[in-house]
Amino acid sequence: MSIDLKTIKHISKLSRISVDEEKADKLAGDLNSIFNFIEKLNQLKTDNIEPLTSVVETTLKLRTDEVKSKDLREQVIKNSPQDNEDYFVVPKVIE
C-alpha cells in the first residue's frame, strides 16, 4: 500500500487538519514506512505461537476473599453532609 499526496490531503480534509506541502511530503513518507513495516509483520508465520499476556512468565498469587472490617455503617454515615440514620445523603447535582 502506498500513500500519495492526494490521499494525505484527503485525510487532512476529513480530519480538519491543515497540512502544508512540506509537511504533507514528510507525512506521506512516514506513513509509507509505517505501512511497509506492517506488511513485513503480516508476513511472519505466527500459526503455532501462543499470544503473551506478559513478557515475564509469572502467575498471580491468589488469596481468599475475607471481610476485614465489619460494622462500619455508623462511621460511614457520620461523614454524610446531611444527618440521616438510614443512608448516606449527598447534595443534589442535577438541577
PDB file of N, CA and C in Angstrom:
ATOM      1  N   MET A   1       0.848  -1.177   0.000  1.00  0.00           N
ATOM      2  CA  MET A   1       0.000   0.000   0.000  1.00  0.00           C
ATOM      3  C   MET A   1       0.887   1.232   0.000  1.00  0.00           C
ATOM      4  N   SER A   2       0.517   2.185  -0.803  1.00  0.00           N
ATOM      5  CA  SER A   2       1.302   3.404  -0.901  1.00  0.00           C
ATOM      6  C   SER A   2       0.402   4.613  -0.683  1.00  0.00           C
ATOM      7  N   ILE A   3       0.878   5.540   0.094  1.00  0.00           N
ATOM      8  CA  ILE A   3       0.142   6.771   0.380  1.00  0.00           C
ATOM      9  C   ILE A   3       0.744   7.888  -0.462  1.00  0.00           C
ATOM     10  N   ASP A   4      -0.085   8.554  -1.249  1.00  0.00           N
ATOM     11  CA  ASP A   4       0.402   9.676  -2.056  1.00  0.00           C
ATOM     12  C   ASP A   4      -0.122  10.994  -1.473  1.00  0.00           C
ATOM     13  N   LEU A   5       0.273  12.100  -2.089  1.00  0.00           N
ATOM     14  CA  LEU A   5      -0.116  13.420  -1.579  1.00  0.00           C
ATOM     15  C   LEU A   5      -1.621  13.634  -1.650  1.00  0.00           C
ATOM     16  N   LYS A   6      -2.259  13.070  -2.671  1.00  0.00           N
ATOM     17  CA  LYS A   6      -3.710  13.215  -2.802  1.00  0.00           C
ATOM     18  C   LYS A   6      -4.416  12.574  -1.605  1.00  0.00           C
ATOM     19  N   THR A   7      -3.949  11.410  -1.196  1.00  0.00           N
ATOM     20  CA  THR A   7      -4.535  10.717  -0.043  1.00  0.00           C
ATOM     21  C   THR A   7      -4.282  11.501   1.241  1.00  0.00           C
ATOM     22  N   ILE A   8      -3.083  12.053   1.385  1.00  0.00           N
ATOM     23  CA  ILE A   8      -2.760  12.858   2.568  1.00  0.00           C
ATOM     24  C   ILE A   8      -3.684  14.063   2.647  1.00  0.00           C
ATOM     25  N   LYS A   9      -3.904  14.744   1.537  1.00  0.00           N
ATOM     26  CA  LYS A   9      -4.776  15.921   1.531  1.00  0.00           C
ATOM     27  C   LYS A   9      -6.214  15.522   1.851  1.00  0.00           C
ATOM     28  N   HIS A  10      -6.634  14.357   1.332  1.00  0.00           N
ATOM     29  CA  HIS A  10      -7.988  13.885   1.609  1.00  0.00           C
ATOM     30  C   HIS A  10      -8.154  13.563   3.102  1.00  0.00           C
ATOM     31  N   ILE A  11      -7.181  12.894   3.678  1.00  0.00           N
ATOM     32  CA  ILE A  11      -7.232  12.561   5.113  1.00  0.00           C
ATOM     33  C   ILE A  11      -7.207  13.829   5.960  1.00  0.00           C
ATOM     34  N   SER A  12      -6.371  14.791   5.581  1.00  0.00           N
ATOM     35  CA  SER A  12      -6.297  16.031   6.360  1.00  0.00           C
ATOM     36  C   SER A  12      -7.606  16.819   6.258  1.00  0.00           C
ATOM     37  N   LYS A  13      -8.263  16.745   5.098  1.00  0.00           N
ATOM     38  CA  LYS A  13      -9.547  17.421   4.946  1.00  0.00           C
ATOM     39  C   LYS A  13     -10.608  16.747   5.813  1.00  0.00           C
ATOM     40  N   LEU A  14     -10.628  15.403   5.825  1.00  0.00           N
ATOM     41  CA  LEU A  14     -11.598  14.675   6.639  1.00  0.00           C
ATOM     42  C   LEU A  14     -11.394  14.927   8.127  1.00  0.00           C
ATOM     43  N   SER A  15     -10.131  15.028   8.548  1.00  0.00           N
ATOM     44  CA  SER A  15      -9.842  15.247   9.964  1.00  0.00           C
ATOM     45  C   SER A  15      -9.794  16.731  10.328  1.00  0.00           C
ATOM     46  N   ARG A  16      -9.984  17.580   9.314  1.00  0.00           N
ATOM     47  CA  ARG A  16      -9.994  19.036   9.515  1.00  0.00           C
ATOM     48  C   ARG A  16      -8.695  19.544  10.129  1.00  0.00           C
ATOM     49  N   ILE A  17      -7.595  19.026   9.584  1.00  0.00           N
ATOM     50  CA  ILE A  17      -6.264  19.446   9.994  1.00  0.00           C
ATOM     51  C   ILE A  17      -5.592  20.059   8.769  1.00  0.00           C
ATOM     52  N   SER A  18      -5.082  21.272   8.910  1.00  0.00           N
ATOM     53  CA  SER A  18      -4.403  21.884   7.773  1.00  0.00           C
ATOM     54  C   SER A  18      -2.961  21.363   7.704  1.00  0.00           C
ATOM     55  N   VAL A  19      -2.576  20.908   6.513  1.00  0.00           N
ATOM     56  CA  VAL A  19      -1.237  20.377   6.289  1.00  0.00           C
ATOM     57  C   VAL A  19      -0.670  21.063   5.058  1.00  0.00           C
ATOM     58  N   ASP A  20       0.478  21.737   5.226  1.00  0.00           N
ATOM     59  CA  ASP A  20       1.097  22.377   4.061  1.00  0.00           C
ATOM     60  C   ASP A  20       1.871  21.333   3.249  1.00  0.00           C
ATOM     61  N   GLU A  21       2.391  21.733   2.097  1.00  0.00           N
ATOM     62  CA  GLU A  21       3.047  20.809   1.157  1.00  0.00           C
ATOM     63  C   GLU A  21       4.258  20.111   1.785  1.00  0.00           C
ATOM     64  N   GLU A  22       5.081  20.867   2.517  1.00  0.00           N
ATOM     65  CA  GLU A  22       6.294  20.287   3.114  1.00  0.00           C
ATOM     66  C   GLU A  22       5.945  19.213   4.138  1.00  0.00           C
ATOM     67  N   LYS A  23       4.969  19.533   4.989  1.00  0.00           N
ATOM     68  CA  LYS A  23       4.554  18.558   5.994  1.00  0.00           C
ATOM     69  C   LYS A  23       3.843  17.367   5.355  1.00  0.00           C
ATOM     70  N   ALA A  24       3.119  17.619   4.260  1.00  0.00           N
ATOM     71  CA  ALA A  24       2.415  16.537   3.573  1.00  0.00           C
ATOM     72  C   ALA A  24       3.414  15.540   2.988  1.00  0.00           C
ATOM     73  N   ASP A  25       4.519  16.035   2.412  1.00  0.00           N
ATOM     74  CA  ASP A  25       5.549  15.148   1.865  1.00  0.00           C
ATOM     75  C   ASP A  25       6.173  14.295   2.970  1.00  0.00           C
ATOM     76  N   LYS A  26       6.497  14.932   4.095  1.00  0.00           N
ATOM     77  CA  LYS A  26       7.090  14.198   5.212  1.00  0.00           C
ATOM     78  C   LYS A  26       6.097  13.189   5.779  1.00  0.00           C
ATOM     79  N   LEU A  27       4.834  13.586   5.906  1.00  0.00           N
ATOM     80  CA  LEU A  27       3.804  12.703   6.433  1.00  0.00           C
ATOM     81  C   LEU A  27       3.582  11.501   5.514  1.00  0.00           C
ATOM     82  N   ALA A  28       3.606  11.728   4.216  1.00  0.00           N
ATOM     83  CA  ALA A  28       3.452  10.632   3.262  1.00  0.00           C
ATOM     84  C   ALA A  28       4.597   9.634   3.411  1.00  0.00           C
ATOM     85  N   GLY A  29       5.814  10.135   3.545  1.00  0.00           N
ATOM     86  CA  GLY A  29       6.966   9.255   3.739  1.00  0.00           C
ATOM     87  C   GLY A  29       6.870   8.460   5.029  1.00  0.00           C
ATOM     88  N   ASP A  30       6.455   9.134   6.109  1.00  0.00           N
ATOM     89  CA  ASP A  30       6.311   8.459   7.402  1.00  0.00           C
ATOM     90  C   ASP A  30       5.235   7.375   7.349  1.00  0.00           C
ATOM     91  N   LEU A  31       4.090   7.711   6.758  1.00  0.00           N
ATOM     92  CA  LEU A  31       3.008   6.731   6.678  1.00  0.00           C
ATOM     93  C   LEU A  31       3.387   5.558   5.788  1.00  0.00           C
ATOM     94  N   ASN A  32       4.098   5.822   4.699  1.00  0.00           N
ATOM     95  CA  ASN A  32       4.540   4.727   3.831  1.00  0.00           C
ATOM     96  C   ASN A  32       5.501   3.798   4.558  1.00  0.00           C
ATOM     97  N   SER A  33       6.398   4.354   5.361  1.00  0.00           N
ATOM     98  CA  SER A  33       7.327   3.494   6.103  1.00  0.00           C
ATOM     99  C   SER A  33       6.587   2.683   7.165  1.00  0.00           C
ATOM    100  N   ILE A  34       5.568   3.272   7.774  1.00  0.00           N
ATOM    101  CA  ILE A  34       4.767   2.542   8.759  1.00  0.00           C
ATOM    102  C   ILE A  34       4.025   1.390   8.086  1.00  0.00           C
ATOM    103  N   PHE A  35       3.408   1.655   6.926  1.00  0.00           N
ATOM    104  CA  PHE A  35       2.680   0.602   6.223  1.00  0.00           C
ATOM    105  C   PHE A  35       3.614  -0.481   5.703  1.00  0.00           C
ATOM    106  N   ASN A  36       4.817  -0.111   5.298  1.00  0.00           N
ATOM    107  CA  ASN A  36       5.794  -1.120   4.880  1.00  0.00           C
ATOM    108  C   ASN A  36       6.173  -2.030   6.049  1.00  0.00           C
ATOM    109  N   PHE A  37       6.340  -1.455   7.219  1.00  0.00           N
ATOM    110  CA  PHE A  37       6.656  -2.249   8.405  1.00  0.00           C
ATOM    111  C   PHE A  37       5.497  -3.185   8.756  1.00  0.00           C
ATOM    112  N   ILE A  38       4.263  -2.692   8.641  1.00  0.00           N
ATOM    113  CA  ILE A  38       3.096  -3.531   8.917  1.00  0.00           C
ATOM    114  C   ILE A  38       3.028  -4.696   7.936  1.00  0.00           C
ATOM    115  N   GLU A  39       3.340  -4.441   6.670  1.00  0.00           N
ATOM    116  CA  GLU A  39       3.356  -5.513   5.680  1.00  0.00           C
ATOM    117  C   GLU A  39       4.415  -6.566   6.013  1.00  0.00           C
ATOM    118  N   LYS A  40       5.568  -6.146   6.512  1.00  0.00           N
ATOM    119  CA  LYS A  40       6.602  -7.098   6.934  1.00  0.00           C
ATOM    120  C   LYS A  40       6.103  -7.936   8.111  1.00  0.00           C
ATOM    121  N   LEU A  41       5.424  -7.290   9.054  1.00  0.00           N
ATOM    122  CA  LEU A  41       4.891  -8.022  10.199  1.00  0.00           C
ATOM    123  C   LEU A  41       3.825  -9.031   9.774  1.00  0.00           C
ATOM    124  N   ASN A  42       3.027  -8.682   8.780  1.00  0.00           N
ATOM    125  CA  ASN A  42       1.989  -9.592   8.308  1.00  0.00           C
ATOM    126  C   ASN A  42       2.566 -10.826   7.622  1.00  0.00           C
ATOM    127  N   GLN A  43       3.815 -10.772   7.172  1.00  0.00           N
ATOM    128  CA  GLN A  43       4.441 -11.908   6.501  1.00  0.00           C
ATOM    129  C   GLN A  43       4.995 -12.934   7.487  1.00  0.00           C
ATOM    130  N   LEU A  44       5.075 -12.578   8.760  1.00  0.00           N
ATOM    131  CA  LEU A  44       5.600 -13.506   9.763  1.00  0.00           C
ATOM    132  C   LEU A  44       4.634 -14.664   9.978  1.00  0.00           C
ATOM    133  N   LYS A  45       5.180 -15.850  10.160  1.00  0.00           N
ATOM    134  CA  LYS A  45       4.378 -17.040  10.426  1.00  0.00           C
ATOM    135  C   LYS A  45       4.135 -17.136  11.937  1.00  0.00           C
ATOM    136  N   THR A  46       2.929 -16.907  12.341  1.00  0.00           N
ATOM    137  CA  THR A  46       2.592 -16.929  13.774  1.00  0.00           C
ATOM    138  C   THR A  46       1.526 -17.973  14.081  1.00  0.00           C
ATOM    139  N   ASP A  47       1.422 -19.010  13.261  1.00  0.00           N
ATOM    140  CA  ASP A  47       0.369 -20.005  13.436  1.00  0.00           C
ATOM    141  C   ASP A  47       0.504 -20.780  14.739  1.00  0.00           C
ATOM    142  N   ASN A  48       1.703 -21.210  15.095  1.00  0.00           N
ATOM    143  CA  ASN A  48       1.901 -22.052  16.274  1.00  0.00           C
ATOM    144  C   ASN A  48       2.409 -21.286  17.485  1.00  0.00           C
ATOM    145  N   ILE A  49       2.294 -19.999  17.469  1.00  0.00           N
ATOM    146  CA  ILE A  49       2.786 -19.172  18.575  1.00  0.00           C
ATOM    147  C   ILE A  49       1.597 -18.711  19.406  1.00  0.00           C
ATOM    148  N   GLU A  50       1.669 -18.976  20.700  1.00  0.00           N
ATOM    149  CA  GLU A  50       0.596 -18.568  21.595  1.00  0.00           C
ATOM    150  C   GLU A  50       0.784 -17.106  22.003  1.00  0.00           C
ATOM    151  N   PRO A  51      -0.306 -16.358  22.098  1.00  0.00           N
ATOM    152  CA  PRO A  51      -0.176 -14.949  22.496  1.00  0.00           C
ATOM    153  C   PRO A  51       0.308 -14.820  23.937  1.00  0.00           C
ATOM    154  N   LEU A  52       1.036 -13.739  24.190  1.00  0.00           N
ATOM    155  CA  LEU A  52       1.563 -13.475  25.527  1.00  0.00           C
ATOM    156  C   LEU A  52       0.616 -12.563  26.290  1.00  0.00           C
ATOM    157  N   THR A  53       0.477 -12.821  27.554  1.00  0.00           N
ATOM    158  CA  THR A  53      -0.231 -11.872  28.399  1.00  0.00           C
ATOM    159  C   THR A  53       0.757 -10.966  29.115  1.00  0.00           C
ATOM    160  N   SER A  54       1.999 -11.443  29.210  1.00  0.00           N
ATOM    161  CA  SER A  54       3.053 -10.672  29.843  1.00  0.00           C
ATOM    162  C   SER A  54       4.392 -11.198  29.352  1.00  0.00           C
ATOM    163  N   VAL A  55       5.392 -10.351  29.367  1.00  0.00           N
ATOM    164  CA  VAL A  55       6.725 -10.773  28.970  1.00  0.00           C
ATOM    165  C   VAL A  55       7.328 -11.685  30.028  1.00  0.00           C
ATOM    166  N   VAL A  56       7.014 -11.419  31.277  1.00  0.00           N
ATOM    167  CA  VAL A  56       7.505 -12.218  32.391  1.00  0.00           C
ATOM    168  C   VAL A  56       6.485 -13.313  32.677  1.00  0.00           C
ATOM    169  N   GLU A  57       6.928 -14.542  32.652  1.00  0.00           N
ATOM    170  CA  GLU A  57       6.009 -15.649  32.884  1.00  0.00           C
ATOM    171  C   GLU A  57       5.860 -15.916  34.377  1.00  0.00           C
ATOM    172  N   THR A  58       4.943 -15.216  34.994  1.00  0.00           N
ATOM    173  CA  THR A  58       4.636 -15.418  36.405  1.00  0.00           C
ATOM    174  C   THR A  58       3.132 -15.603  36.553  1.00  0.00           C
ATOM    175  N   THR A  59       2.758 -16.271  37.593  1.00  0.00           N
ATOM    176  CA  THR A  59       1.338 -16.411  37.887  1.00  0.00           C
ATOM    177  C   THR A  59       0.997 -15.536  39.077  1.00  0.00           C
ATOM    178  N   LEU A  60      -0.218 -15.057  39.086  1.00  0.00           N
ATOM    179  CA  LEU A  60      -0.653 -14.210  40.185  1.00  0.00           C
ATOM    180  C   LEU A  60      -0.910 -15.059  41.419  1.00  0.00           C
ATOM    181  N   LYS A  61      -0.551 -14.521  42.548  1.00  0.00           N
ATOM    182  CA  LYS A  61      -0.805 -15.215  43.808  1.00  0.00           C
ATOM    183  C   LYS A  61      -2.259 -14.981  44.197  1.00  0.00           C
ATOM    184  N   LEU A  62      -2.959 -16.071  44.429  1.00  0.00           N
ATOM    185  CA  LEU A  62      -4.359 -15.972  44.811  1.00  0.00           C
ATOM    186  C   LEU A  62      -4.484 -15.960  46.315  1.00  0.00           C
ATOM    187  N   ARG A  63      -5.490 -15.281  46.789  1.00  0.00           N
ATOM    188  CA  ARG A  63      -5.768 -15.265  48.214  1.00  0.00           C
ATOM    189  C   ARG A  63      -7.274 -15.375  48.399  1.00  0.00           C
ATOM    190  N   THR A  64      -7.674 -15.817  49.555  1.00  0.00           N
ATOM    191  CA  THR A  64      -9.103 -15.949  49.817  1.00  0.00           C
ATOM    192  C   THR A  64      -9.708 -14.582  50.101  1.00  0.00           C
ATOM    193  N   ASP A  65     -10.949 -14.427  49.709  1.00  0.00           N
ATOM    194  CA  ASP A  65     -11.662 -13.186  49.994  1.00  0.00           C
ATOM    195  C   ASP A  65     -12.117 -13.193  51.439  1.00  0.00           C
ATOM    196  N   GLU A  66     -11.718 -12.183  52.168  1.00  0.00           N
ATOM    197  CA  GLU A  66     -12.084 -12.083  53.573  1.00  0.00           C
ATOM    198  C   GLU A  66     -12.618 -10.686  53.860  1.00  0.00           C
ATOM    199  N   VAL A  67     -13.632 -10.622  54.662  1.00  0.00           N
ATOM    200  CA  VAL A  67     -14.129  -9.341  55.132  1.00  0.00           C
ATOM    201  C   VAL A  67     -13.273  -8.958  56.332  1.00  0.00           C
ATOM    202  N   LYS A  68     -12.541  -7.864  56.212  1.00  0.00           N
ATOM    203  CA  LYS A  68     -11.621  -7.492  57.292  1.00  0.00           C
ATOM    204  C   LYS A  68     -12.193  -6.429  58.217  1.00  0.00           C
ATOM    205  N   SER A  69     -13.157  -5.687  57.746  1.00  0.00           N
ATOM    206  CA  SER A  69     -13.755  -4.676  58.608  1.00  0.00           C
ATOM    207  C   SER A  69     -15.267  -4.879  58.612  1.00  0.00           C
ATOM    208  N   LYS A  70     -15.822  -4.898  59.800  1.00  0.00           N
ATOM    209  CA  LYS A  70     -17.252  -5.142  59.957  1.00  0.00           C
ATOM    210  C   LYS A  70     -17.895  -3.960  60.660  1.00  0.00           C
ATOM    211  N   ASP A  71     -19.179  -3.824  60.420  1.00  0.00           N
ATOM    212  CA  ASP A  71     -19.996  -2.819  61.115  1.00  0.00           C
ATOM    213  C   ASP A  71     -19.424  -1.410  60.993  1.00  0.00           C
ATOM    214  N   LEU A  72     -19.165  -0.979  59.781  1.00  0.00           N
ATOM    215  CA  LEU A  72     -18.674   0.380  59.544  1.00  0.00           C
ATOM    216  C   LEU A  72     -19.800   1.331  59.143  1.00  0.00           C
ATOM    217  N   ARG A  73     -21.009   0.842  59.172  1.00  0.00           N
ATOM    218  CA  ARG A  73     -22.134   1.637  58.695  1.00  0.00           C
ATOM    219  C   ARG A  73     -22.257   2.964  59.445  1.00  0.00           C
ATOM    220  N   GLU A  74     -22.187   2.944  60.730  1.00  0.00           N
ATOM    221  CA  GLU A  74     -22.333   4.166  61.518  1.00  0.00           C
ATOM    222  C   GLU A  74     -21.199   5.150  61.241  1.00  0.00           C
ATOM    223  N   GLN A  75     -19.992   4.642  61.090  1.00  0.00           N
ATOM    224  CA  GLN A  75     -18.850   5.515  60.813  1.00  0.00           C
ATOM    225  C   GLN A  75     -18.979   6.171  59.438  1.00  0.00           C
ATOM    226  N   VAL A  76     -19.481   5.424  58.471  1.00  0.00           N
ATOM    227  CA  VAL A  76     -19.647   5.974  57.126  1.00  0.00           C
ATOM    228  C   VAL A  76     -20.754   7.015  57.109  1.00  0.00           C
ATOM    229  N   ILE A  77     -21.857   6.722  57.745  1.00  0.00           N
ATOM    230  CA  ILE A  77     -22.988   7.656  57.748  1.00  0.00           C
ATOM    231  C   ILE A  77     -22.639   8.942  58.493  1.00  0.00           C
ATOM    232  N   LYS A  78     -21.732   8.906  59.451  1.00  0.00           N
ATOM    233  CA  LYS A  78     -21.302  10.120  60.150  1.00  0.00           C
ATOM    234  C   LYS A  78     -20.652  11.121  59.191  1.00  0.00           C
ATOM    235  N   ASN A  79     -20.092  10.638  58.091  1.00  0.00           N
ATOM    236  CA  ASN A  79     -19.432  11.516  57.117  1.00  0.00           C
ATOM    237  C   ASN A  79     -20.410  12.124  56.114  1.00  0.00           C
ATOM    238  N   SER A  80     -21.659  11.784  56.199  1.00  0.00           N
ATOM    239  CA  SER A  80     -22.660  12.308  55.277  1.00  0.00           C
ATOM    240  C   SER A  80     -22.857  13.806  55.514  1.00  0.00           C
ATOM    241  N   PRO A  81     -23.001  14.599  54.447  1.00  0.00           N
ATOM    242  CA  PRO A  81     -23.198  16.037  54.618  1.00  0.00           C
ATOM    243  C   PRO A  81     -24.498  16.378  55.347  1.00  0.00           C
ATOM    244  N   GLN A  82     -25.518  15.523  55.191  1.00  0.00           N
ATOM    245  CA  GLN A  82     -26.788  15.751  55.882  1.00  0.00           C
ATOM    246  C   GLN A  82     -27.009  14.646  56.908  1.00  0.00           C
ATOM    247  N   ASP A  83     -27.681  14.976  57.979  1.00  0.00           N
ATOM    248  CA  ASP A  83     -27.949  13.978  59.014  1.00  0.00           C
ATOM    249  C   ASP A  83     -29.063  13.040  58.563  1.00  0.00           C
ATOM    250  N   ASN A  84     -28.758  11.761  58.580  1.00  0.00           N
ATOM    251  CA  ASN A  84     -29.744  10.738  58.285  1.00  0.00           C
ATOM    252  C   ASN A  84     -29.209   9.442  58.857  1.00  0.00           C
ATOM    253  N   GLU A  85     -30.049   8.697  59.517  1.00  0.00           N
ATOM    254  CA  GLU A  85     -29.565   7.481  60.159  1.00  0.00           C
ATOM    255  C   GLU A  85     -29.692   6.238  59.298  1.00  0.00           C
ATOM    256  N   ASP A  86     -30.313   6.347  58.126  1.00  0.00           N
ATOM    257  CA  ASP A  86     -30.532   5.166  57.297  1.00  0.00           C
ATOM    258  C   ASP A  86     -29.570   5.049  56.123  1.00  0.00           C
ATOM    259  N   TYR A  87     -29.209   6.173  55.512  1.00  0.00           N
ATOM    260  CA  TYR A  87     -28.374   6.104  54.320  1.00  0.00           C
ATOM    261  C   TYR A  87     -27.543   7.371  54.168  1.00  0.00           C
ATOM    262  N   PHE A  88     -26.601   7.322  53.273  1.00  0.00           N
ATOM    263  CA  PHE A  88     -25.669   8.423  53.025  1.00  0.00           C
ATOM    264  C   PHE A  88     -26.353   9.452  52.133  1.00  0.00           C
ATOM    265  N   VAL A  89     -26.438  10.696  52.560  1.00  0.00           N
ATOM    266  CA  VAL A  89     -27.120  11.744  51.814  1.00  0.00           C
ATOM    267  C   VAL A  89     -26.082  12.696  51.246  1.00  0.00           C
ATOM    268  N   VAL A  90     -26.215  13.005  49.956  1.00  0.00           N
ATOM    269  CA  VAL A  90     -25.302  13.942  49.297  1.00  0.00           C
ATOM    270  C   VAL A  90     -26.136  15.066  48.667  1.00  0.00           C
ATOM    271  N   PRO A  91     -25.513  16.217  48.401  1.00  0.00           N
ATOM    272  CA  PRO A  91     -26.261  17.310  47.771  1.00  0.00           C
ATOM    273  C   PRO A  91     -26.695  16.942  46.349  1.00  0.00           C
ATOM    274  N   LYS A  92     -27.791  17.527  45.915  1.00  0.00           N
ATOM    275  CA  LYS A  92     -28.316  17.300  44.582  1.00  0.00           C
ATOM    276  C   LYS A  92     -27.352  17.907  43.564  1.00  0.00           C
ATOM    277  N   VAL A  93     -27.048  17.134  42.505  1.00  0.00           N
ATOM    278  CA  VAL A  93     -26.094  17.587  41.498  1.00  0.00           C
ATOM    279  C   VAL A  93     -26.811  18.117  40.267  1.00  0.00           C
ATOM    280  N   ILE A  94     -27.871  17.461  39.855  1.00  0.00           N
ATOM    281  CA  ILE A  94     -28.611  17.856  38.656  1.00  0.00           C
ATOM    282  C   ILE A  94     -29.707  18.813  39.051  1.00  0.00           C
ATOM    283  N   GLU A  95     -29.799  19.913  38.318  1.00  0.00           N
ATOM    284  CA  GLU A  95     -30.835  20.915  38.629  1.00  0.00           C
ATOM    285  C   GLU A  95     -31.995  20.787  37.709  1.00  0.00           C
TER     286      GLU A  95
END
